[in-house]
Amino acid sequence: MRTDLYQRAVLTVIALLLGFLALRPATNPMPVLAQPSASSIYVEPGVTTLRKPDGTEQVQGKVMIDLQTGDVYGFPTLSGASYPVDTTRPEPPVSHPMYLGRFDLTGMRRR
C-alpha cells in the first residue's frame, strides 16, 4: 500500500513538471528578431587594394559584401594588416567604410 502511494506521488510530480515544460513557451514565448543577422555580411579573405570609384583614393583594406543588397564596401586598414593600423597615434584607429559598388544579385536567377 505504501509503495502504491509513493509511485502515484512520483508520477504526479513528473506529470506536473512535464506539463510545466510543455506550457512554458505559451506563457513566455521567445522574442522574434527582425533585423538581419551578422551572417548576411561576407568578408573577403586577405587584404586588397581599394580604389574609390571617383579615383580620389587608393589604399590597402578589407572588402565586405552585404549579401542582402549586393553593396560592396571597402574598409581601409592603412597597411597590409587585416585590421586598421596607425602607428602615429596611441589609440586604436577606426576604419570607416567606403562604398565601392554593387552586385546585381537579382540577375542570378536560374532559368
PDB file of N, CA and C in Angstrom:
ATOM      1  N   MET A   1       0.834  -1.184   0.000  1.00  0.00           N
ATOM      2  CA  MET A   1       0.000   0.000   0.000  1.00  0.00           C
ATOM      3  C   MET A   1       0.885   1.256   0.000  1.00  0.00           C
ATOM      4  N   ARG A   2       1.984   1.212   0.751  1.00  0.00           N
ATOM      5  CA  ARG A   2       2.876   2.369   0.854  1.00  0.00           C
ATOM      6  C   ARG A   2       3.568   2.626  -0.482  1.00  0.00           C
ATOM      7  N   THR A   3       3.956   1.570  -1.176  1.00  0.00           N
ATOM      8  CA  THR A   3       4.635   1.705  -2.457  1.00  0.00           C
ATOM      9  C   THR A   3       3.704   2.306  -3.501  1.00  0.00           C
ATOM     10  N   ASP A   4       2.457   1.924  -3.481  1.00  0.00           N
ATOM     11  CA  ASP A   4       1.482   2.449  -4.433  1.00  0.00           C
ATOM     12  C   ASP A   4       1.316   3.957  -4.260  1.00  0.00           C
ATOM     13  N   LEU A   5       1.256   4.448  -3.051  1.00  0.00           N
ATOM     14  CA  LEU A   5       1.139   5.884  -2.778  1.00  0.00           C
ATOM     15  C   LEU A   5       2.400   6.613  -3.235  1.00  0.00           C
ATOM     16  N   TYR A   6       3.558   6.037  -2.985  1.00  0.00           N
ATOM     17  CA  TYR A   6       4.831   6.631  -3.410  1.00  0.00           C
ATOM     18  C   TYR A   6       4.896   6.720  -4.935  1.00  0.00           C
ATOM     19  N   GLN A   7       4.541   5.677  -5.644  1.00  0.00           N
ATOM     20  CA  GLN A   7       4.581   5.681  -7.101  1.00  0.00           C
ATOM     21  C   GLN A   7       3.622   6.722  -7.670  1.00  0.00           C
ATOM     22  N   ARG A   8       2.453   6.831  -7.101  1.00  0.00           N
ATOM     23  CA  ARG A   8       1.491   7.823  -7.580  1.00  0.00           C
ATOM     24  C   ARG A   8       2.011   9.248  -7.350  1.00  0.00           C
ATOM     25  N   ALA A   9       2.647   9.481  -6.219  1.00  0.00           N
ATOM     26  CA  ALA A   9       3.194  10.806  -5.924  1.00  0.00           C
ATOM     27  C   ALA A   9       4.313  11.150  -6.905  1.00  0.00           C
ATOM     28  N   VAL A  10       5.194  10.216  -7.168  1.00  0.00           N
ATOM     29  CA  VAL A  10       6.307  10.457  -8.100  1.00  0.00           C
ATOM     30  C   VAL A  10       5.770  10.696  -9.507  1.00  0.00           C
ATOM     31  N   LEU A  11       4.822   9.887  -9.934  1.00  0.00           N
ATOM     32  CA  LEU A  11       4.247  10.073 -11.264  1.00  0.00           C
ATOM     33  C   LEU A  11       3.504  11.406 -11.375  1.00  0.00           C
ATOM     34  N   THR A  12       2.851  11.828 -10.314  1.00  0.00           N
ATOM     35  CA  THR A  12       2.162  13.118 -10.324  1.00  0.00           C
ATOM     36  C   THR A  12       3.160  14.261 -10.447  1.00  0.00           C
ATOM     37  N   VAL A  13       4.258  14.183  -9.704  1.00  0.00           N
ATOM     38  CA  VAL A  13       5.293  15.220  -9.788  1.00  0.00           C
ATOM     39  C   VAL A  13       5.890  15.252 -11.193  1.00  0.00           C
ATOM     40  N   ILE A  14       6.161  14.096 -11.770  1.00  0.00           N
ATOM     41  CA  ILE A  14       6.711  14.031 -13.129  1.00  0.00           C
ATOM     42  C   ILE A  14       5.732  14.637 -14.126  1.00  0.00           C
ATOM     43  N   ALA A  15       4.460  14.318 -13.998  1.00  0.00           N
ATOM     44  CA  ALA A  15       3.437  14.848 -14.903  1.00  0.00           C
ATOM     45  C   ALA A  15       3.334  16.368 -14.779  1.00  0.00           C
ATOM     46  N   LEU A  16       3.393  16.885 -13.548  1.00  0.00           N
ATOM     47  CA  LEU A  16       3.324  18.331 -13.346  1.00  0.00           C
ATOM     48  C   LEU A  16       4.543  19.030 -13.953  1.00  0.00           C
ATOM     49  N   LEU A  17       5.733  18.468 -13.774  1.00  0.00           N
ATOM     50  CA  LEU A  17       6.940  19.079 -14.340  1.00  0.00           C
ATOM     51  C   LEU A  17       6.930  19.031 -15.870  1.00  0.00           C
ATOM     52  N   LEU A  18       6.460  17.933 -16.439  1.00  0.00           N
ATOM     53  CA  LEU A  18       6.352  17.853 -17.891  1.00  0.00           C
ATOM     54  C   LEU A  18       5.327  18.846 -18.427  1.00  0.00           C
ATOM     55  N   GLY A  19       4.224  19.001 -17.712  1.00  0.00           N
ATOM     56  CA  GLY A  19       3.225  19.992 -18.099  1.00  0.00           C
ATOM     57  C   GLY A  19       3.794  21.401 -18.038  1.00  0.00           C
ATOM     58  N   PHE A  20       4.576  21.696 -17.028  1.00  0.00           N
ATOM     59  CA  PHE A  20       5.224  22.998 -16.906  1.00  0.00           C
ATOM     60  C   PHE A  20       6.157  23.239 -18.094  1.00  0.00           C
ATOM     61  N   LEU A  21       6.951  22.239 -18.457  1.00  0.00           N
ATOM     62  CA  LEU A  21       7.859  22.382 -19.598  1.00  0.00           C
ATOM     63  C   LEU A  21       7.104  22.570 -20.908  1.00  0.00           C
ATOM     64  N   ALA A  22       5.984  21.892 -21.058  1.00  0.00           N
ATOM     65  CA  ALA A  22       5.204  21.992 -22.289  1.00  0.00           C
ATOM     66  C   ALA A  22       4.495  23.338 -22.402  1.00  0.00           C
ATOM     67  N   LEU A  23       4.061  23.914 -21.289  1.00  0.00           N
ATOM     68  CA  LEU A  23       3.308  25.166 -21.313  1.00  0.00           C
ATOM     69  C   LEU A  23       4.185  26.409 -21.204  1.00  0.00           C
ATOM     70  N   ARG A  24       5.443  26.252 -20.878  1.00  0.00           N
ATOM     71  CA  ARG A  24       6.325  27.407 -20.715  1.00  0.00           C
ATOM     72  C   ARG A  24       6.433  28.245 -21.987  1.00  0.00           C
ATOM     73  N   PRO A  25       6.581  27.669 -23.193  1.00  0.00           N
ATOM     74  CA  PRO A  25       6.635  28.520 -24.390  1.00  0.00           C
ATOM     75  C   PRO A  25       5.355  29.311 -24.625  1.00  0.00           C
ATOM     76  N   ALA A  26       4.218  28.799 -24.194  1.00  0.00           N
ATOM     77  CA  ALA A  26       2.958  29.523 -24.380  1.00  0.00           C
ATOM     78  C   ALA A  26       2.861  30.714 -23.434  1.00  0.00           C
ATOM     79  N   THR A  27       3.413  30.602 -22.242  1.00  0.00           N
ATOM     80  CA  THR A  27       3.332  31.688 -21.278  1.00  0.00           C
ATOM     81  C   THR A  27       4.484  32.665 -21.408  1.00  0.00           C
ATOM     82  N   ASN A  28       5.628  32.226 -21.920  1.00  0.00           N
ATOM     83  CA  ASN A  28       6.808  33.080 -22.050  1.00  0.00           C
ATOM     84  C   ASN A  28       7.452  32.806 -23.408  1.00  0.00           C
ATOM     85  N   PRO A  29       6.882  33.317 -24.513  1.00  0.00           N
ATOM     86  CA  PRO A  29       7.409  32.998 -25.843  1.00  0.00           C
ATOM     87  C   PRO A  29       8.765  33.649 -26.095  1.00  0.00           C
ATOM     88  N   MET A  30       9.542  33.036 -26.979  1.00  0.00           N
ATOM     89  CA  MET A  30      10.844  33.568 -27.358  1.00  0.00           C
ATOM     90  C   MET A  30      10.626  34.788 -28.251  1.00  0.00           C
ATOM     91  N   PRO A  31      11.449  35.847 -28.100  1.00  0.00           N
ATOM     92  CA  PRO A  31      11.283  37.025 -28.956  1.00  0.00           C
ATOM     93  C   PRO A  31      11.719  36.727 -30.392  1.00  0.00           C
ATOM     94  N   VAL A  32      11.085  37.395 -31.322  1.00  0.00           N
ATOM     95  CA  VAL A  32      11.423  37.258 -32.738  1.00  0.00           C
ATOM     96  C   VAL A  32      12.263  38.467 -33.132  1.00  0.00           C
ATOM     97  N   LEU A  33      13.410  38.226 -33.752  1.00  0.00           N
ATOM     98  CA  LEU A  33      14.308  39.301 -34.155  1.00  0.00           C
ATOM     99  C   LEU A  33      14.149  39.550 -35.653  1.00  0.00           C
ATOM    100  N   ALA A  34      13.828  40.779 -36.026  1.00  0.00           N
ATOM    101  CA  ALA A  34      13.574  41.094 -37.420  1.00  0.00           C
ATOM    102  C   ALA A  34      14.785  41.663 -38.143  1.00  0.00           C
ATOM    103  N   GLN A  35      15.828  42.048 -37.426  1.00  0.00           N
ATOM    104  CA  GLN A  35      16.984  42.631 -38.087  1.00  0.00           C
ATOM    105  C   GLN A  35      17.814  41.545 -38.768  1.00  0.00           C
ATOM    106  N   PRO A  36      18.567  41.918 -39.811  1.00  0.00           N
ATOM    107  CA  PRO A  36      19.384  40.912 -40.487  1.00  0.00           C
ATOM    108  C   PRO A  36      20.483  40.404 -39.569  1.00  0.00           C
ATOM    109  N   SER A  37      20.836  39.183 -39.762  1.00  0.00           N
ATOM    110  CA  SER A  37      21.881  38.603 -38.931  1.00  0.00           C
ATOM    111  C   SER A  37      23.253  39.002 -39.445  1.00  0.00           C
ATOM    112  N   ALA A  38      24.256  38.790 -38.611  1.00  0.00           N
ATOM    113  CA  ALA A  38      25.619  39.123 -38.987  1.00  0.00           C
ATOM    114  C   ALA A  38      26.120  38.242 -40.115  1.00  0.00           C
ATOM    115  N   SER A  39      25.473  37.126 -40.342  1.00  0.00           N
ATOM    116  CA  SER A  39      25.923  36.242 -41.403  1.00  0.00           C
ATOM    117  C   SER A  39      25.539  36.765 -42.785  1.00  0.00           C
ATOM    118  N   SER A  40      24.834  37.898 -42.879  1.00  0.00           N
ATOM    119  CA  SER A  40      24.490  38.446 -44.181  1.00  0.00           C
ATOM    120  C   SER A  40      25.614  39.316 -44.733  1.00  0.00           C
ATOM    121  N   ILE A  41      26.746  39.362 -44.042  1.00  0.00           N
ATOM    122  CA  ILE A  41      27.925  40.102 -44.498  1.00  0.00           C
ATOM    123  C   ILE A  41      29.014  39.101 -44.837  1.00  0.00           C
ATOM    124  N   TYR A  42      29.542  39.201 -46.054  1.00  0.00           N
ATOM    125  CA  TYR A  42      30.657  38.351 -46.462  1.00  0.00           C
ATOM    126  C   TYR A  42      31.937  39.167 -46.362  1.00  0.00           C
ATOM    127  N   VAL A  43      32.929  38.647 -45.659  1.00  0.00           N
ATOM    128  CA  VAL A  43      34.217  39.308 -45.510  1.00  0.00           C
ATOM    129  C   VAL A  43      35.210  38.597 -46.425  1.00  0.00           C
ATOM    130  N   GLU A  44      35.711  39.318 -47.404  1.00  0.00           N
ATOM    131  CA  GLU A  44      36.684  38.761 -48.343  1.00  0.00           C
ATOM    132  C   GLU A  44      37.983  38.473 -47.592  1.00  0.00           C
ATOM    133  N   PRO A  45      38.529  37.268 -47.733  1.00  0.00           N
ATOM    134  CA  PRO A  45      39.776  36.969 -47.025  1.00  0.00           C
ATOM    135  C   PRO A  45      40.942  37.783 -47.598  1.00  0.00           C
ATOM    136  N   GLY A  46      41.871  38.097 -46.726  1.00  0.00           N
ATOM    137  CA  GLY A  46      43.060  38.833 -47.157  1.00  0.00           C
ATOM    138  C   GLY A  46      42.804  40.322 -47.267  1.00  0.00           C
ATOM    139  N   VAL A  47      43.840  41.030 -47.709  1.00  0.00           N
ATOM    140  CA  VAL A  47      43.794  42.477 -47.879  1.00  0.00           C
ATOM    141  C   VAL A  47      44.030  42.760 -49.356  1.00  0.00           C
ATOM    142  N   THR A  48      43.329  43.752 -49.886  1.00  0.00           N
ATOM    143  CA  THR A  48      43.463  44.096 -51.297  1.00  0.00           C
ATOM    144  C   THR A  48      43.543  45.609 -51.457  1.00  0.00           C
ATOM    145  N   THR A  49      43.884  46.065 -52.646  1.00  0.00           N
ATOM    146  CA  THR A  49      43.921  47.488 -52.924  1.00  0.00           C
ATOM    147  C   THR A  49      42.504  47.975 -53.181  1.00  0.00           C
ATOM    148  N   LEU A  50      42.109  48.996 -52.446  1.00  0.00           N
ATOM    149  CA  LEU A  50      40.784  49.593 -52.594  1.00  0.00           C
ATOM    150  C   LEU A  50      40.920  50.885 -53.380  1.00  0.00           C
ATOM    151  N   ARG A  51      40.093  51.050 -54.400  1.00  0.00           N
ATOM    152  CA  ARG A  51      40.072  52.282 -55.186  1.00  0.00           C
ATOM    153  C   ARG A  51      38.675  52.869 -55.132  1.00  0.00           C
ATOM    154  N   LYS A  52      38.582  54.129 -54.717  1.00  0.00           N
ATOM    155  CA  LYS A  52      37.275  54.792 -54.730  1.00  0.00           C
ATOM    156  C   LYS A  52      36.819  54.932 -56.172  1.00  0.00           C
ATOM    157  N   PRO A  53      35.500  54.802 -56.420  1.00  0.00           N
ATOM    158  CA  PRO A  53      35.003  54.911 -57.791  1.00  0.00           C
ATOM    159  C   PRO A  53      35.341  56.238 -58.473  1.00  0.00           C
ATOM    160  N   ASP A  54      35.477  57.323 -57.704  1.00  0.00           N
ATOM    161  CA  ASP A  54      35.810  58.616 -58.325  1.00  0.00           C
ATOM    162  C   ASP A  54      37.307  58.789 -58.549  1.00  0.00           C
ATOM    163  N   GLY A  55      38.113  57.806 -58.118  1.00  0.00           N
ATOM    164  CA  GLY A  55      39.557  57.841 -58.362  1.00  0.00           C
ATOM    165  C   GLY A  55      40.347  58.729 -57.432  1.00  0.00           C
ATOM    166  N   THR A  56      39.739  59.219 -56.346  1.00  0.00           N
ATOM    167  CA  THR A  56      40.441  60.142 -55.453  1.00  0.00           C
ATOM    168  C   THR A  56      41.301  59.446 -54.408  1.00  0.00           C
ATOM    169  N   GLU A  57      41.093  58.164 -54.191  1.00  0.00           N
ATOM    170  CA  GLU A  57      41.821  57.490 -53.123  1.00  0.00           C
ATOM    171  C   GLU A  57      42.115  56.043 -53.517  1.00  0.00           C
ATOM    172  N   GLN A  58      43.322  55.592 -53.117  1.00  0.00           N
ATOM    173  CA  GLN A  58      43.718  54.205 -53.341  1.00  0.00           C
ATOM    174  C   GLN A  58      44.504  53.770 -52.109  1.00  0.00           C
ATOM    175  N   VAL A  59      43.953  52.802 -51.354  1.00  0.00           N
ATOM    176  CA  VAL A  59      44.572  52.344 -50.108  1.00  0.00           C
ATOM    177  C   VAL A  59      44.441  50.831 -49.987  1.00  0.00           C
ATOM    178  N   GLN A  60      45.163  50.255 -49.043  1.00  0.00           N
ATOM    179  CA  GLN A  60      45.023  48.840 -48.713  1.00  0.00           C
ATOM    180  C   GLN A  60      43.842  48.684 -47.761  1.00  0.00           C
ATOM    181  N   GLY A  61      43.101  47.576 -47.885  1.00  0.00           N
ATOM    182  CA  GLY A  61      41.982  47.375 -46.984  1.00  0.00           C
ATOM    183  C   GLY A  61      41.264  46.063 -47.202  1.00  0.00           C
ATOM    184  N   LYS A  62      40.209  45.878 -46.426  1.00  0.00           N
ATOM    185  CA  LYS A  62      39.361  44.683 -46.477  1.00  0.00           C
ATOM    186  C   LYS A  62      38.112  44.994 -47.280  1.00  0.00           C
ATOM    187  N   VAL A  63      37.630  43.990 -48.009  1.00  0.00           N
ATOM    188  CA  VAL A  63      36.405  44.128 -48.787  1.00  0.00           C
ATOM    189  C   VAL A  63      35.311  43.333 -48.088  1.00  0.00           C
ATOM    190  N   MET A  64      34.143  43.954 -47.935  1.00  0.00           N
ATOM    191  CA  MET A  64      32.985  43.305 -47.333  1.00  0.00           C
ATOM    192  C   MET A  64      31.780  43.503 -48.234  1.00  0.00           C
ATOM    193  N   ILE A  65      30.975  42.435 -48.383  1.00  0.00           N
ATOM    194  CA  ILE A  65      29.818  42.465 -49.266  1.00  0.00           C
ATOM    195  C   ILE A  65      28.566  42.177 -48.454  1.00  0.00           C
ATOM    196  N   ASP A  66      27.575  43.042 -48.587  1.00  0.00           N
ATOM    197  CA  ASP A  66      26.266  42.826 -47.957  1.00  0.00           C
ATOM    198  C   ASP A  66      25.492  41.876 -48.869  1.00  0.00           C
ATOM    199  N   LEU A  67      25.282  40.649 -48.417  1.00  0.00           N
ATOM    200  CA  LEU A  67      24.657  39.627 -49.244  1.00  0.00           C
ATOM    201  C   LEU A  67      23.169  39.853 -49.457  1.00  0.00           C
ATOM    202  N   GLN A  68      22.560  40.742 -48.701  1.00  0.00           N
ATOM    203  CA  GLN A  68      21.140  41.025 -48.880  1.00  0.00           C
ATOM    204  C   GLN A  68      20.911  42.051 -49.987  1.00  0.00           C
ATOM    205  N   THR A  69      21.819  43.027 -50.100  1.00  0.00           N
ATOM    206  CA  THR A  69      21.639  44.094 -51.082  1.00  0.00           C
ATOM    207  C   THR A  69      22.639  44.023 -52.230  1.00  0.00           C
ATOM    208  N   GLY A  70      23.767  43.368 -52.040  1.00  0.00           N
ATOM    209  CA  GLY A  70      24.815  43.318 -53.053  1.00  0.00           C
ATOM    210  C   GLY A  70      25.778  44.479 -52.968  1.00  0.00           C
ATOM    211  N   ASP A  71      25.605  45.368 -51.994  1.00  0.00           N
ATOM    212  CA  ASP A  71      26.508  46.507 -51.836  1.00  0.00           C
ATOM    213  C   ASP A  71      27.888  46.027 -51.420  1.00  0.00           C
ATOM    214  N   VAL A  72      28.920  46.655 -52.010  1.00  0.00           N
ATOM    215  CA  VAL A  72      30.308  46.298 -51.720  1.00  0.00           C
ATOM    216  C   VAL A  72      30.963  47.493 -51.035  1.00  0.00           C
ATOM    217  N   TYR A  73      31.571  47.221 -49.889  1.00  0.00           N
ATOM    218  CA  TYR A  73      32.242  48.255 -49.124  1.00  0.00           C
ATOM    219  C   TYR A  73      33.699  47.871 -48.909  1.00  0.00           C
ATOM    220  N   GLY A  74      34.544  48.879 -48.841  1.00  0.00           N
ATOM    221  CA  GLY A  74      35.938  48.669 -48.505  1.00  0.00           C
ATOM    222  C   GLY A  74      36.247  49.374 -47.206  1.00  0.00           C
ATOM    223  N   PHE A  75      36.972  48.687 -46.331  1.00  0.00           N
ATOM    224  CA  PHE A  75      37.384  49.270 -45.056  1.00  0.00           C
ATOM    225  C   PHE A  75      38.899  49.435 -45.082  1.00  0.00           C
ATOM    226  N   PRO A  76      39.396  50.671 -45.196  1.00  0.00           N
ATOM    227  CA  PRO A  76      40.841  50.878 -45.247  1.00  0.00           C
ATOM    228  C   PRO A  76      41.527  50.408 -43.961  1.00  0.00           C
ATOM    229  N   THR A  77      42.650  49.712 -44.131  1.00  0.00           N
ATOM    230  CA  THR A  77      43.443  49.269 -42.980  1.00  0.00           C
ATOM    231  C   THR A  77      44.728  50.070 -42.854  1.00  0.00           C
ATOM    232  N   LEU A  78      45.048  50.884 -43.860  1.00  0.00           N
ATOM    233  CA  LEU A  78      46.222  51.751 -43.893  1.00  0.00           C
ATOM    234  C   LEU A  78      47.540  50.980 -43.925  1.00  0.00           C
ATOM    235  N   SER A  79      47.482  49.661 -44.069  1.00  0.00           N
ATOM    236  CA  SER A  79      48.686  48.834 -44.179  1.00  0.00           C
ATOM    237  C   SER A  79      48.289  47.491 -44.762  1.00  0.00           C
ATOM    238  N   GLY A  80      49.200  46.562 -44.816  1.00  0.00           N
ATOM    239  CA  GLY A  80      48.917  45.226 -45.306  1.00  0.00           C
ATOM    240  C   GLY A  80      48.292  44.327 -44.261  1.00  0.00           C
ATOM    241  N   ALA A  81      48.054  44.858 -43.058  1.00  0.00           N
ATOM    242  CA  ALA A  81      47.439  44.064 -41.989  1.00  0.00           C
ATOM    243  C   ALA A  81      45.946  43.915 -42.264  1.00  0.00           C
ATOM    244  N   SER A  82      45.358  42.889 -41.675  1.00  0.00           N
ATOM    245  CA  SER A  82      43.936  42.656 -41.905  1.00  0.00           C
ATOM    246  C   SER A  82      43.044  43.434 -40.940  1.00  0.00           C
ATOM    247  N   TYR A  83      43.597  44.330 -40.172  1.00  0.00           N
ATOM    248  CA  TYR A  83      42.844  45.197 -39.273  1.00  0.00           C
ATOM    249  C   TYR A  83      43.462  46.594 -39.346  1.00  0.00           C
ATOM    250  N   PRO A  84      42.743  47.651 -38.962  1.00  0.00           N
ATOM    251  CA  PRO A  84      43.276  49.008 -39.084  1.00  0.00           C
ATOM    252  C   PRO A  84      44.503  49.225 -38.202  1.00  0.00           C
ATOM    253  N   VAL A  85      45.537  49.802 -38.794  1.00  0.00           N
ATOM    254  CA  VAL A  85      46.784  50.083 -38.069  1.00  0.00           C
ATOM    255  C   VAL A  85      47.195  51.519 -38.348  1.00  0.00           C
ATOM    256  N   ASP A  86      47.472  52.282 -37.287  1.00  0.00           N
ATOM    257  CA  ASP A  86      48.018  53.633 -37.411  1.00  0.00           C
ATOM    258  C   ASP A  86      49.089  53.772 -36.342  1.00  0.00           C
ATOM    259  N   THR A  87      50.351  53.694 -36.754  1.00  0.00           N
ATOM    260  CA  THR A  87      51.463  53.710 -35.788  1.00  0.00           C
ATOM    261  C   THR A  87      51.766  55.112 -35.271  1.00  0.00           C
ATOM    262  N   THR A  88      51.130  56.154 -35.819  1.00  0.00           N
ATOM    263  CA  THR A  88      51.408  57.516 -35.374  1.00  0.00           C
ATOM    264  C   THR A  88      50.564  57.941 -34.181  1.00  0.00           C
ATOM    265  N   ARG A  89      49.575  57.146 -33.820  1.00  0.00           N
ATOM    266  CA  ARG A  89      48.685  57.506 -32.705  1.00  0.00           C
ATOM    267  C   ARG A  89      48.624  56.370 -31.693  1.00  0.00           C
ATOM    268  N   PRO A  90      48.480  56.696 -30.412  1.00  0.00           N
ATOM    269  CA  PRO A  90      48.439  55.632 -29.390  1.00  0.00           C
ATOM    270  C   PRO A  90      47.086  54.910 -29.315  1.00  0.00           C
ATOM    271  N   GLU A  91      45.983  55.567 -29.721  1.00  0.00           N
ATOM    272  CA  GLU A  91      44.671  54.917 -29.634  1.00  0.00           C
ATOM    273  C   GLU A  91      44.418  54.105 -30.906  1.00  0.00           C
ATOM    274  N   PRO A  92      43.627  53.043 -30.773  1.00  0.00           N
ATOM    275  CA  PRO A  92      43.332  52.213 -31.946  1.00  0.00           C
ATOM    276  C   PRO A  92      42.509  52.990 -32.974  1.00  0.00           C
ATOM    277  N   PRO A  93      42.833  52.846 -34.253  1.00  0.00           N
ATOM    278  CA  PRO A  93      42.078  53.568 -35.270  1.00  0.00           C
ATOM    279  C   PRO A  93      40.741  52.908 -35.573  1.00  0.00           C
ATOM    280  N   VAL A  94      39.831  53.702 -36.112  1.00  0.00           N
ATOM    281  CA  VAL A  94      38.524  53.210 -36.545  1.00  0.00           C
ATOM    282  C   VAL A  94      38.472  53.353 -38.064  1.00  0.00           C
ATOM    283  N   SER A  95      38.207  52.265 -38.752  1.00  0.00           N
ATOM    284  CA  SER A  95      38.134  52.275 -40.205  1.00  0.00           C
ATOM    285  C   SER A  95      36.685  52.505 -40.636  1.00  0.00           C
ATOM    286  N   HIS A  96      36.461  53.548 -41.415  1.00  0.00           N
ATOM    287  CA  HIS A  96      35.121  53.872 -41.901  1.00  0.00           C
ATOM    288  C   HIS A  96      34.962  53.315 -43.314  1.00  0.00           C
ATOM    289  N   PRO A  97      33.775  52.786 -43.633  1.00  0.00           N
ATOM    290  CA  PRO A  97      33.596  52.148 -44.938  1.00  0.00           C
ATOM    291  C   PRO A  97      33.575  53.154 -46.087  1.00  0.00           C
ATOM    292  N   MET A  98      34.098  52.702 -47.209  1.00  0.00           N
ATOM    293  CA  MET A  98      33.935  53.470 -48.434  1.00  0.00           C
ATOM    294  C   MET A  98      33.124  52.607 -49.397  1.00  0.00           C
ATOM    295  N   TYR A  99      32.133  53.209 -49.998  1.00  0.00           N
ATOM    296  CA  TYR A  99      31.246  52.488 -50.919  1.00  0.00           C
ATOM    297  C   TYR A  99      31.992  52.244 -52.218  1.00  0.00           C
ATOM    298  N   LEU A 100      32.100  50.988 -52.628  1.00  0.00           N
ATOM    299  CA  LEU A 100      32.841  50.642 -53.835  1.00  0.00           C
ATOM    300  C   LEU A 100      31.941  50.308 -55.014  1.00  0.00           C
ATOM    301  N   GLY A 101      30.739  49.840 -54.781  1.00  0.00           N
ATOM    302  CA  GLY A 101      29.851  49.475 -55.876  1.00  0.00           C
ATOM    303  C   GLY A 101      28.789  48.510 -55.412  1.00  0.00           C
ATOM    304  N   ARG A 102      28.178  47.855 -56.386  1.00  0.00           N
ATOM    305  CA  ARG A 102      27.070  46.957 -56.053  1.00  0.00           C
ATOM    306  C   ARG A 102      27.016  45.812 -57.049  1.00  0.00           C
ATOM    307  N   PHE A 103      26.752  44.619 -56.544  1.00  0.00           N
ATOM    308  CA  PHE A 103      26.478  43.456 -57.379  1.00  0.00           C
ATOM    309  C   PHE A 103      24.969  43.364 -57.567  1.00  0.00           C
ATOM    310  N   ASP A 104      24.518  43.088 -58.789  1.00  0.00           N
ATOM    311  CA  ASP A 104      23.093  42.904 -59.051  1.00  0.00           C
ATOM    312  C   ASP A 104      22.746  41.449 -58.752  1.00  0.00           C
ATOM    313  N   LEU A 105      22.368  41.169 -57.519  1.00  0.00           N
ATOM    314  CA  LEU A 105      22.075  39.804 -57.100  1.00  0.00           C
ATOM    315  C   LEU A 105      20.761  39.287 -57.676  1.00  0.00           C
ATOM    316  N   THR A 106      19.901  40.192 -58.147  1.00  0.00           N
ATOM    317  CA  THR A 106      18.627  39.743 -58.713  1.00  0.00           C
ATOM    318  C   THR A 106      18.820  39.080 -60.071  1.00  0.00           C
ATOM    319  N   GLY A 107      19.941  39.322 -60.735  1.00  0.00           N
ATOM    320  CA  GLY A 107      20.201  38.708 -62.024  1.00  0.00           C
ATOM    321  C   GLY A 107      20.671  37.272 -61.931  1.00  0.00           C
ATOM    322  N   MET A 108      20.796  36.741 -60.729  1.00  0.00           N
ATOM    323  CA  MET A 108      21.295  35.370 -60.542  1.00  0.00           C
ATOM    324  C   MET A 108      20.157  34.381 -60.420  1.00  0.00           C
ATOM    325  N   ARG A 109      19.187  34.463 -61.294  1.00  0.00           N
ATOM    326  CA  ARG A 109      18.075  33.522 -61.261  1.00  0.00           C
ATOM    327  C   ARG A 109      18.338  32.416 -62.249  1.00  0.00           C
ATOM    328  N   ARG A 110      18.050  31.213 -61.843  1.00  0.00           N
ATOM    329  CA  ARG A 110      18.203  30.054 -62.717  1.00  0.00           C
ATOM    330  C   ARG A 110      17.049  30.022 -63.713  1.00  0.00           C
ATOM    331  N   ARG A 111      17.354  29.826 -64.953  1.00  0.00           N
ATOM    332  CA  ARG A 111      16.310  29.832 -65.990  1.00  0.00           C
ATOM    333  C   ARG A 111      16.022  28.464 -66.489  1.00  0.00           C
TER     334      ARG A 111
END
